[in-house]
Amino acid sequence: MNKLTEIKINRFQLNVLLNDEQKEGFDYLLNHGVFCTKCGETCSKGFDIEEIYLNSLNDIKIKGKCNVCCGNVARIIEFGGDKGFFNKANDFRKSIEK
């Protein structure tokens, strides 16, 4: 089996990939589960998303800046273990291949 590559996606593409339940979990983790190493705590005032990736395991990786200190933050949200999402992500990858 070929290893999948990490690909950059935009917010619209992310929205297409996630179902309503996954969107709720995603939003919750973004609001309560992103840790800033510079502040030393969870990003209490949120963060600005700068980049979104579909990683090699079909998980979602978010990179951004903490709204308090502007430190770099990242979060991997594990969706790739969900067979339905994994297959949808693979179909998405095929649809954007050149």
PDB file of N, CA and C in Angstrom:
ATOM      1  N   MET A   1       0.841  -1.184   0.000  1.00  0.00           N
ATOM      2  CA  MET A   1       0.000   0.000   0.000  1.00  0.00           C
ATOM      3  C   MET A   1       0.884   1.243   0.000  1.00  0.00           C
ATOM      4  N   ASN A   2       0.561   2.186  -0.846  1.00  0.00           N
ATOM      5  CA  ASN A   2       1.327   3.421  -0.914  1.00  0.00           C
ATOM      6  C   ASN A   2       1.002   4.305   0.270  1.00  0.00           C
ATOM      7  N   LYS A   3       2.042   4.962   0.775  1.00  0.00           N
ATOM      8  CA  LYS A   3       1.830   5.897   1.871  1.00  0.00           C
ATOM      9  C   LYS A   3       1.213   7.175   1.306  1.00  0.00           C
ATOM     10  N   LEU A   4       0.205   7.666   1.983  1.00  0.00           N
ATOM     11  CA  LEU A   4      -0.441   8.899   1.560  1.00  0.00           C
ATOM     12  C   LEU A   4       0.452  10.082   1.885  1.00  0.00           C
ATOM     13  N   THR A   5       0.348  11.118   1.091  1.00  0.00           N
ATOM     14  CA  THR A   5       1.118  12.329   1.354  1.00  0.00           C
ATOM     15  C   THR A   5       0.236  13.334   2.092  1.00  0.00           C
ATOM     16  N   GLU A   6       0.877  14.240   2.796  1.00  0.00           N
ATOM     17  CA  GLU A   6       0.146  15.312   3.458  1.00  0.00           C
ATOM     18  C   GLU A   6      -0.203  16.349   2.410  1.00  0.00           C
ATOM     19  N   ILE A   7      -1.467  16.778   2.400  1.00  0.00           N
ATOM     20  CA  ILE A   7      -1.889  17.795   1.442  1.00  0.00           C
ATOM     21  C   ILE A   7      -2.553  18.954   2.173  1.00  0.00           C
ATOM     22  N   LYS A   8      -2.291  20.136   1.673  1.00  0.00           N
ATOM     23  CA  LYS A   8      -2.902  21.334   2.228  1.00  0.00           C
ATOM     24  C   LYS A   8      -4.311  21.456   1.664  1.00  0.00           C
ATOM     25  N   ILE A   9      -5.273  21.772   2.545  1.00  0.00           N
ATOM     26  CA  ILE A   9      -6.654  21.963   2.117  1.00  0.00           C
ATOM     27  C   ILE A   9      -7.153  23.301   2.638  1.00  0.00           C
ATOM     28  N   ASN A  10      -8.250  23.762   2.063  1.00  0.00           N
ATOM     29  CA  ASN A  10      -8.823  25.026   2.538  1.00  0.00           C
ATOM     30  C   ASN A  10     -10.060  24.746   3.386  1.00  0.00           C
ATOM     31  N   ARG A  11     -10.647  25.779   3.937  1.00  0.00           N
ATOM     32  CA  ARG A  11     -11.797  25.612   4.834  1.00  0.00           C
ATOM     33  C   ARG A  11     -13.009  25.027   4.117  1.00  0.00           C
ATOM     34  N   PHE A  12     -13.201  25.408   2.867  1.00  0.00           N
ATOM     35  CA  PHE A  12     -14.320  24.843   2.114  1.00  0.00           C
ATOM     36  C   PHE A  12     -14.146  23.336   1.951  1.00  0.00           C
ATOM     37  N   GLN A  13     -12.953  22.906   1.579  1.00  0.00           N
ATOM     38  CA  GLN A  13     -12.684  21.482   1.418  1.00  0.00           C
ATOM     39  C   GLN A  13     -12.864  20.739   2.736  1.00  0.00           C
ATOM     40  N   LEU A  14     -12.411  21.329   3.826  1.00  0.00           N
ATOM     41  CA  LEU A  14     -12.599  20.724   5.139  1.00  0.00           C
ATOM     42  C   LEU A  14     -14.085  20.565   5.449  1.00  0.00           C
ATOM     43  N   ASN A  15     -14.858  21.588   5.151  1.00  0.00           N
ATOM     44  CA  ASN A  15     -16.294  21.561   5.401  1.00  0.00           C
ATOM     45  C   ASN A  15     -16.979  20.449   4.605  1.00  0.00           C
ATOM     46  N   VAL A  16     -16.510  20.195   3.408  1.00  0.00           N
ATOM     47  CA  VAL A  16     -17.067  19.126   2.580  1.00  0.00           C
ATOM     48  C   VAL A  16     -16.718  17.755   3.168  1.00  0.00           C
ATOM     49  N   LEU A  17     -15.514  17.628   3.713  1.00  0.00           N
ATOM     50  CA  LEU A  17     -15.064  16.343   4.256  1.00  0.00           C
ATOM     51  C   LEU A  17     -15.781  15.941   5.545  1.00  0.00           C
ATOM     52  N   LEU A  18     -16.130  16.909   6.389  1.00  0.00           N
ATOM     53  CA  LEU A  18     -16.698  16.602   7.695  1.00  0.00           C
ATOM     54  C   LEU A  18     -18.222  16.553   7.659  1.00  0.00           C
ATOM     55  N   ASN A  19     -18.791  15.568   8.353  1.00  0.00           N
ATOM     56  CA  ASN A  19     -20.246  15.553   8.510  1.00  0.00           C
ATOM     57  C   ASN A  19     -20.596  16.438   9.712  1.00  0.00           C
ATOM     58  N   ASP A  20     -21.874  16.595   9.999  1.00  0.00           N
ATOM     59  CA  ASP A  20     -22.307  17.511  11.062  1.00  0.00           C
ATOM     60  C   ASP A  20     -21.734  17.127  12.431  1.00  0.00           C
ATOM     61  N   GLU A  21     -21.750  15.847  12.754  1.00  0.00           N
ATOM     62  CA  GLU A  21     -21.221  15.392  14.042  1.00  0.00           C
ATOM     63  C   GLU A  21     -19.712  15.658  14.140  1.00  0.00           C
ATOM     64  N   GLN A  22     -18.998  15.394  13.068  1.00  0.00           N
ATOM     65  CA  GLN A  22     -17.554  15.643  13.053  1.00  0.00           C
ATOM     66  C   GLN A  22     -17.259  17.134  13.168  1.00  0.00           C
ATOM     67  N   LYS A  23     -18.079  17.963  12.545  1.00  0.00           N
ATOM     68  CA  LYS A  23     -17.896  19.418  12.640  1.00  0.00           C
ATOM     69  C   LYS A  23     -18.050  19.889  14.079  1.00  0.00           C
ATOM     70  N   GLU A  24     -19.026  19.317  14.799  1.00  0.00           N
ATOM     71  CA  GLU A  24     -19.215  19.682  16.205  1.00  0.00           C
ATOM     72  C   GLU A  24     -17.991  19.320  17.035  1.00  0.00           C
ATOM     73  N   GLY A  25     -17.482  18.114  16.846  1.00  0.00           N
ATOM     74  CA  GLY A  25     -16.286  17.678  17.571  1.00  0.00           C
ATOM     75  C   GLY A  25     -15.077  18.509  17.209  1.00  0.00           C
ATOM     76  N   PHE A  26     -14.945  18.809  15.936  1.00  0.00           N
ATOM     77  CA  PHE A  26     -13.847  19.635  15.450  1.00  0.00           C
ATOM     78  C   PHE A  26     -13.884  21.018  16.096  1.00  0.00           C
ATOM     79  N   ASP A  27     -15.063  21.651  16.073  1.00  0.00           N
ATOM     80  CA  ASP A  27     -15.206  22.986  16.668  1.00  0.00           C
ATOM     81  C   ASP A  27     -14.929  22.965  18.169  1.00  0.00           C
ATOM     82  N   TYR A  28     -15.406  21.926  18.837  1.00  0.00           N
ATOM     83  CA  TYR A  28     -15.159  21.827  20.279  1.00  0.00           C
ATOM     84  C   TYR A  28     -13.661  21.741  20.564  1.00  0.00           C
ATOM     85  N   LEU A  29     -12.964  20.884  19.832  1.00  0.00           N
ATOM     86  CA  LEU A  29     -11.522  20.741  20.064  1.00  0.00           C
ATOM     87  C   LEU A  29     -10.766  22.025  19.740  1.00  0.00           C
ATOM     88  N   LEU A  30     -11.189  22.733  18.709  1.00  0.00           N
ATOM     89  CA  LEU A  30     -10.521  23.998  18.381  1.00  0.00           C
ATOM     90  C   LEU A  30     -10.739  25.040  19.474  1.00  0.00           C
ATOM     91  N   ASN A  31     -11.920  25.016  20.093  1.00  0.00           N
ATOM     92  CA  ASN A  31     -12.231  26.005  21.130  1.00  0.00           C
ATOM     93  C   ASN A  31     -11.736  25.625  22.516  1.00  0.00           C
ATOM     94  N   HIS A  32     -11.466  24.333  22.750  1.00  0.00           N
ATOM     95  CA  HIS A  32     -11.109  23.901  24.098  1.00  0.00           C
ATOM     96  C   HIS A  32      -9.875  23.006  24.160  1.00  0.00           C
ATOM     97  N   GLY A  33      -9.284  22.680  23.029  1.00  0.00           N
ATOM     98  CA  GLY A  33      -8.228  21.679  23.053  1.00  0.00           C
ATOM     99  C   GLY A  33      -6.979  22.012  22.269  1.00  0.00           C
ATOM    100  N   VAL A  34      -6.678  23.306  22.123  1.00  0.00           N
ATOM    101  CA  VAL A  34      -5.435  23.686  21.441  1.00  0.00           C
ATOM    102  C   VAL A  34      -4.517  24.314  22.480  1.00  0.00           C
ATOM    103  N   PHE A  35      -3.351  23.701  22.653  1.00  0.00           N
ATOM    104  CA  PHE A  35      -2.392  24.110  23.675  1.00  0.00           C
ATOM    105  C   PHE A  35      -1.313  24.991  23.061  1.00  0.00           C
ATOM    106  N   CYS A  36      -1.007  26.079  23.727  1.00  0.00           N
ATOM    107  CA  CYS A  36       0.060  26.979  23.300  1.00  0.00           C
ATOM    108  C   CYS A  36       1.274  26.749  24.189  1.00  0.00           C
ATOM    109  N   THR A  37       2.385  26.363  23.602  1.00  0.00           N
ATOM    110  CA  THR A  37       3.584  26.117  24.402  1.00  0.00           C
ATOM    111  C   THR A  37       4.191  27.424  24.913  1.00  0.00           C
ATOM    112  N   LYS A  38       3.949  28.510  24.220  1.00  0.00           N
ATOM    113  CA  LYS A  38       4.485  29.796  24.669  1.00  0.00           C
ATOM    114  C   LYS A  38       3.730  30.313  25.904  1.00  0.00           C
ATOM    115  N   CYS A  39       2.403  30.240  25.877  1.00  0.00           N
ATOM    116  CA  CYS A  39       1.583  30.633  27.029  1.00  0.00           C
ATOM    117  C   CYS A  39       1.651  29.579  28.141  1.00  0.00           C
ATOM    118  N   GLY A  40       1.834  28.329  27.735  1.00  0.00           N
ATOM    119  CA  GLY A  40       1.868  27.238  28.698  1.00  0.00           C
ATOM    120  C   GLY A  40       0.488  26.750  29.106  1.00  0.00           C
ATOM    121  N   GLU A  41      -0.520  27.062  28.292  1.00  0.00           N
ATOM    122  CA  GLU A  41      -1.879  26.630  28.593  1.00  0.00           C
ATOM    123  C   GLU A  41      -2.703  26.572  27.319  1.00  0.00           C
ATOM    124  N   THR A  42      -3.947  26.143  27.481  1.00  0.00           N
ATOM    125  CA  THR A  42      -4.868  26.096  26.355  1.00  0.00           C
ATOM    126  C   THR A  42      -5.125  27.511  25.852  1.00  0.00           C
ATOM    127  N   CYS A  43      -5.271  27.647  24.557  1.00  0.00           N
ATOM    128  CA  CYS A  43      -5.535  28.962  23.954  1.00  0.00           C
ATOM    129  C   CYS A  43      -6.898  29.463  24.412  1.00  0.00           C
ATOM    130  N   SER A  44      -6.910  30.181  25.526  1.00  0.00           N
ATOM    131  CA  SER A  44      -8.161  30.602  26.159  1.00  0.00           C
ATOM    132  C   SER A  44      -8.949  31.610  25.325  1.00  0.00           C
ATOM    133  N   LYS A  45      -8.275  32.358  24.502  1.00  0.00           N
ATOM    134  CA  LYS A  45      -8.944  33.343  23.652  1.00  0.00           C
ATOM    135  C   LYS A  45      -8.911  32.923  22.193  1.00  0.00           C
ATOM    136  N   GLY A  46      -8.717  31.630  21.978  1.00  0.00           N
ATOM    137  CA  GLY A  46      -8.734  31.096  20.625  1.00  0.00           C
ATOM    138  C   GLY A  46      -7.418  31.290  19.900  1.00  0.00           C
ATOM    139  N   PHE A  47      -7.460  30.965  18.632  1.00  0.00           N
ATOM    140  CA  PHE A  47      -6.289  31.133  17.781  1.00  0.00           C
ATOM    141  C   PHE A  47      -6.742  31.334  16.351  1.00  0.00           C
ATOM    142  N   ASP A  48      -5.867  31.898  15.553  1.00  0.00           N
ATOM    143  CA  ASP A  48      -6.147  32.116  14.136  1.00  0.00           C
ATOM    144  C   ASP A  48      -5.590  30.951  13.343  1.00  0.00           C
ATOM    145  N   ILE A  49      -6.466  30.296  12.592  1.00  0.00           N
ATOM    146  CA  ILE A  49      -6.041  29.189  11.742  1.00  0.00           C
ATOM    147  C   ILE A  49      -5.314  29.763  10.531  1.00  0.00           C
ATOM    148  N   GLU A  50      -4.102  29.281  10.305  1.00  0.00           N
ATOM    149  CA  GLU A  50      -3.333  29.719   9.148  1.00  0.00           C
ATOM    150  C   GLU A  50      -3.256  28.655   8.060  1.00  0.00           C
ATOM    151  N   GLU A  51      -3.206  27.386   8.469  1.00  0.00           N
ATOM    152  CA  GLU A  51      -3.082  26.302   7.500  1.00  0.00           C
ATOM    153  C   GLU A  51      -3.852  25.078   7.985  1.00  0.00           C
ATOM    154  N   ILE A  52      -4.412  24.355   7.036  1.00  0.00           N
ATOM    155  CA  ILE A  52      -5.130  23.118   7.323  1.00  0.00           C
ATOM    156  C   ILE A  52      -4.572  22.049   6.394  1.00  0.00           C
ATOM    157  N   TYR A  53      -4.309  20.877   6.959  1.00  0.00           N
ATOM    158  CA  TYR A  53      -3.755  19.776   6.173  1.00  0.00           C
ATOM    159  C   TYR A  53      -4.555  18.504   6.402  1.00  0.00           C
ATOM    160  N   LEU A  54      -4.601  17.687   5.380  1.00  0.00           N
ATOM    161  CA  LEU A  54      -5.039  16.306   5.489  1.00  0.00           C
ATOM    162  C   LEU A  54      -3.739  15.514   5.520  1.00  0.00           C
ATOM    163  N   ASN A  55      -3.418  14.903   6.676  1.00  0.00           N
ATOM    164  CA  ASN A  55      -2.101  14.291   6.810  1.00  0.00           C
ATOM    165  C   ASN A  55      -2.059  12.880   6.224  1.00  0.00           C
ATOM    166  N   SER A  56      -0.950  12.220   6.391  1.00  0.00           N
ATOM    167  CA  SER A  56      -0.730  10.916   5.769  1.00  0.00           C
ATOM    168  C   SER A  56      -1.609   9.807   6.350  1.00  0.00           C
ATOM    169  N   LEU A  57      -2.272  10.068   7.473  1.00  0.00           N
ATOM    170  CA  LEU A  57      -3.191   9.103   8.076  1.00  0.00           C
ATOM    171  C   LEU A  57      -4.658   9.504   7.866  1.00  0.00           C
ATOM    172  N   ASN A  58      -4.866  10.520   7.038  1.00  0.00           N
ATOM    173  CA  ASN A  58      -6.184  11.122   6.799  1.00  0.00           C
ATOM    174  C   ASN A  58      -6.753  11.741   8.067  1.00  0.00           C
ATOM    175  N   ASP A  59      -5.885  12.226   8.928  1.00  0.00           N
ATOM    176  CA  ASP A  59      -6.278  13.047  10.061  1.00  0.00           C
ATOM    177  C   ASP A  59      -6.160  14.503   9.629  1.00  0.00           C
ATOM    178  N   ILE A  60      -6.802  15.397  10.362  1.00  0.00           N
ATOM    179  CA  ILE A  60      -6.754  16.825  10.060  1.00  0.00           C
ATOM    180  C   ILE A  60      -5.706  17.488  10.955  1.00  0.00           C
ATOM    181  N   LYS A  61      -4.792  18.220  10.341  1.00  0.00           N
ATOM    182  CA  LYS A  61      -3.777  18.971  11.095  1.00  0.00           C
ATOM    183  C   LYS A  61      -4.020  20.454  10.863  1.00  0.00           C
ATOM    184  N   ILE A  62      -4.103  21.187  11.978  1.00  0.00           N
ATOM    185  CA  ILE A  62      -4.345  22.627  11.954  1.00  0.00           C
ATOM    186  C   ILE A  62      -3.105  23.330  12.496  1.00  0.00           C
ATOM    187  N   LYS A  63      -2.680  24.386  11.823  1.00  0.00           N
ATOM    188  CA  LYS A  63      -1.589  25.231  12.316  1.00  0.00           C
ATOM    189  C   LYS A  63      -2.103  26.662  12.388  1.00  0.00           C
ATOM    190  N   GLY A  64      -1.644  27.386  13.422  1.00  0.00           N
ATOM    191  CA  GLY A  64      -2.080  28.764  13.554  1.00  0.00           C
ATOM    192  C   GLY A  64      -1.292  29.527  14.589  1.00  0.00           C
ATOM    193  N   LYS A  65      -1.855  30.659  15.022  1.00  0.00           N
ATOM    194  CA  LYS A  65      -1.220  31.546  16.002  1.00  0.00           C
ATOM    195  C   LYS A  65      -2.176  31.796  17.158  1.00  0.00           C
ATOM    196  N   CYS A  66      -1.668  31.701  18.370  1.00  0.00           N
ATOM    197  CA  CYS A  66      -2.428  31.967  19.583  1.00  0.00           C
ATOM    198  C   CYS A  66      -2.873  33.437  19.590  1.00  0.00           C
ATOM    199  N   ASN A  67      -4.119  33.675  19.948  1.00  0.00           N
ATOM    200  CA  ASN A  67      -4.637  35.051  20.003  1.00  0.00           C
ATOM    201  C   ASN A  67      -4.118  35.844  21.191  1.00  0.00           C
ATOM    202  N   VAL A  68      -3.521  35.173  22.178  1.00  0.00           N
ATOM    203  CA  VAL A  68      -2.986  35.875  23.347  1.00  0.00           C
ATOM    204  C   VAL A  68      -1.553  36.326  23.104  1.00  0.00           C
ATOM    205  N   CYS A  69      -0.699  35.392  22.684  1.00  0.00           N
ATOM    206  CA  CYS A  69       0.733  35.695  22.600  1.00  0.00           C
ATOM    207  C   CYS A  69       1.314  35.608  21.187  1.00  0.00           C
ATOM    208  N   CYS A  70       0.499  35.222  20.218  1.00  0.00           N
ATOM    209  CA  CYS A  70       0.922  35.035  18.822  1.00  0.00           C
ATOM    210  C   CYS A  70       1.915  33.885  18.648  1.00  0.00           C
ATOM    211  N   GLY A  71       1.984  32.997  19.639  1.00  0.00           N
ATOM    212  CA  GLY A  71       2.842  31.822  19.518  1.00  0.00           C
ATOM    213  C   GLY A  71       2.247  30.830  18.523  1.00  0.00           C
ATOM    214  N   ASN A  72       3.128  30.031  17.918  1.00  0.00           N
ATOM    215  CA  ASN A  72       2.675  29.005  16.978  1.00  0.00           C
ATOM    216  C   ASN A  72       1.950  27.895  17.734  1.00  0.00           C
ATOM    217  N   VAL A  73       0.831  27.470  17.188  1.00  0.00           N
ATOM    218  CA  VAL A  73       0.090  26.354  17.758  1.00  0.00           C
ATOM    219  C   VAL A  73      -0.251  25.378  16.647  1.00  0.00           C
ATOM    220  N   ALA A  74      -0.465  24.141  17.029  1.00  0.00           N
ATOM    221  CA  ALA A  74      -0.877  23.109  16.076  1.00  0.00           C
ATOM    222  C   ALA A  74      -1.733  22.097  16.806  1.00  0.00           C
ATOM    223  N   ARG A  75      -2.599  21.451  16.051  1.00  0.00           N
ATOM    224  CA  ARG A  75      -3.455  20.421  16.622  1.00  0.00           C
ATOM    225  C   ARG A  75      -3.749  19.399  15.536  1.00  0.00           C
ATOM    226  N   ILE A  76      -3.617  18.127  15.888  1.00  0.00           N
ATOM    227  CA  ILE A  76      -4.033  17.051  14.994  1.00  0.00           C
ATOM    228  C   ILE A  76      -5.337  16.495  15.546  1.00  0.00           C
ATOM    229  N   ILE A  77      -6.322  16.430  14.689  1.00  0.00           N
ATOM    230  CA  ILE A  77      -7.617  15.892  15.069  1.00  0.00           C
ATOM    231  C   ILE A  77      -7.787  14.582  14.306  1.00  0.00           C
ATOM    232  N   GLU A  78      -7.900  13.514  15.056  1.00  0.00           N
ATOM    233  CA  GLU A  78      -7.849  12.178  14.480  1.00  0.00           C
ATOM    234  C   GLU A  78      -9.207  11.744  13.937  1.00  0.00           C
ATOM    235  N   PHE A  79      -9.344  11.891  12.634  1.00  0.00           N
ATOM    236  CA  PHE A  79     -10.529  11.413  11.936  1.00  0.00           C
ATOM    237  C   PHE A  79     -10.219  10.194  11.090  1.00  0.00           C
ATOM    238  N   GLY A  80      -8.949   9.962  10.793  1.00  0.00           N
ATOM    239  CA  GLY A  80      -8.551   8.896   9.891  1.00  0.00           C
ATOM    240  C   GLY A  80      -8.906   7.504  10.362  1.00  0.00           C
ATOM    241  N   GLY A  81      -9.096   7.324  11.669  1.00  0.00           N
ATOM    242  CA  GLY A  81      -9.474   6.032  12.204  1.00  0.00           C
ATOM    243  C   GLY A  81     -10.933   5.676  11.932  1.00  0.00           C
ATOM    244  N   ASP A  82     -11.726   6.667  11.566  1.00  0.00           N
ATOM    245  CA  ASP A  82     -13.126   6.456  11.202  1.00  0.00           C
ATOM    246  C   ASP A  82     -13.149   5.998   9.746  1.00  0.00           C
ATOM    247  N   LYS A  83     -13.570   4.762   9.518  1.00  0.00           N
ATOM    248  CA  LYS A  83     -13.512   4.176   8.168  1.00  0.00           C
ATOM    249  C   LYS A  83     -14.269   5.016   7.145  1.00  0.00           C
ATOM    250  N   GLY A  84     -15.438   5.528   7.533  1.00  0.00           N
ATOM    251  CA  GLY A  84     -16.223   6.356   6.617  1.00  0.00           C
ATOM    252  C   GLY A  84     -15.473   7.617   6.216  1.00  0.00           C
ATOM    253  N   PHE A  85     -14.872   8.285   7.206  1.00  0.00           N
ATOM    254  CA  PHE A  85     -14.109   9.494   6.908  1.00  0.00           C
ATOM    255  C   PHE A  85     -12.877   9.150   6.082  1.00  0.00           C
ATOM    256  N   PHE A  86     -12.187   8.069   6.448  1.00  0.00           N
ATOM    257  CA  PHE A  86     -10.974   7.666   5.735  1.00  0.00           C
ATOM    258  C   PHE A  86     -11.279   7.450   4.253  1.00  0.00           C
ATOM    259  N   ASN A  87     -12.367   6.755   3.972  1.00  0.00           N
ATOM    260  CA  ASN A  87     -12.744   6.502   2.575  1.00  0.00           C
ATOM    261  C   ASN A  87     -13.146   7.784   1.861  1.00  0.00           C
ATOM    262  N   LYS A  88     -13.868   8.658   2.555  1.00  0.00           N
ATOM    263  CA  LYS A  88     -14.261   9.943   1.969  1.00  0.00           C
ATOM    264  C   LYS A  88     -13.025  10.788   1.663  1.00  0.00           C
ATOM    265  N   ALA A  89     -12.048  10.760   2.578  1.00  0.00           N
ATOM    266  CA  ALA A  89     -10.813  11.510   2.366  1.00  0.00           C
ATOM    267  C   ALA A  89     -10.032  10.941   1.183  1.00  0.00           C
ATOM    268  N   ASN A  90     -10.016   9.624   1.039  1.00  0.00           N
ATOM    269  CA  ASN A  90      -9.331   9.021  -0.107  1.00  0.00           C
ATOM    270  C   ASN A  90     -10.022   9.396  -1.410  1.00  0.00           C
ATOM    271  N   ASP A  91     -11.353   9.395  -1.420  1.00  0.00           N
ATOM    272  CA  ASP A  91     -12.093   9.833  -2.612  1.00  0.00           C
ATOM    273  C   ASP A  91     -11.774  11.291  -2.924  1.00  0.00           C
ATOM    274  N   PHE A  92     -11.683  12.119  -1.884  1.00  0.00           N
ATOM    275  CA  PHE A  92     -11.324  13.520  -2.071  1.00  0.00           C
ATOM    276  C   PHE A  92      -9.940  13.644  -2.691  1.00  0.00           C
ATOM    277  N   ARG A  93      -8.986  12.872  -2.163  1.00  0.00           N
ATOM    278  CA  ARG A  93      -7.628  12.905  -2.717  1.00  0.00           C
ATOM    279  C   ARG A  93      -7.625  12.560  -4.205  1.00  0.00           C
ATOM    280  N   LYS A  94      -8.385  11.543  -4.573  1.00  0.00           N
ATOM    281  CA  LYS A  94      -8.451  11.124  -5.984  1.00  0.00           C
ATOM    282  C   LYS A  94      -9.072  12.234  -6.836  1.00  0.00           C
ATOM    283  N   SER A  95     -10.045  12.941  -6.291  1.00  0.00           N
ATOM    284  CA  SER A  95     -10.734  13.974  -7.055  1.00  0.00           C
ATOM    285  C   SER A  95      -9.856  15.188  -7.343  1.00  0.00           C
ATOM    286  N   ILE A  96      -8.828  15.401  -6.541  1.00  0.00           N
ATOM    287  CA  ILE A  96      -7.962  16.566  -6.757  1.00  0.00           C
ATOM    288  C   ILE A  96      -6.625  16.214  -7.404  1.00  0.00           C
ATOM    289  N   GLU A  97      -6.397  14.917  -7.664  1.00  0.00           N
ATOM    290  CA  GLU A  97      -5.155  14.526  -8.330  1.00  0.00           C
ATOM    291  C   GLU A  97      -5.103  15.129  -9.723  1.00  0.00           C
ATOM    292  N   LYS A  98      -3.896  15.452 -10.140  1.00  0.00           N
ATOM    293  CA  LYS A  98      -3.714  16.038 -11.477  1.00  0.00           C
ATOM    294  C   LYS A  98      -3.232  15.022 -12.444  1.00  0.00           C
TER     295      LYS A  98
END
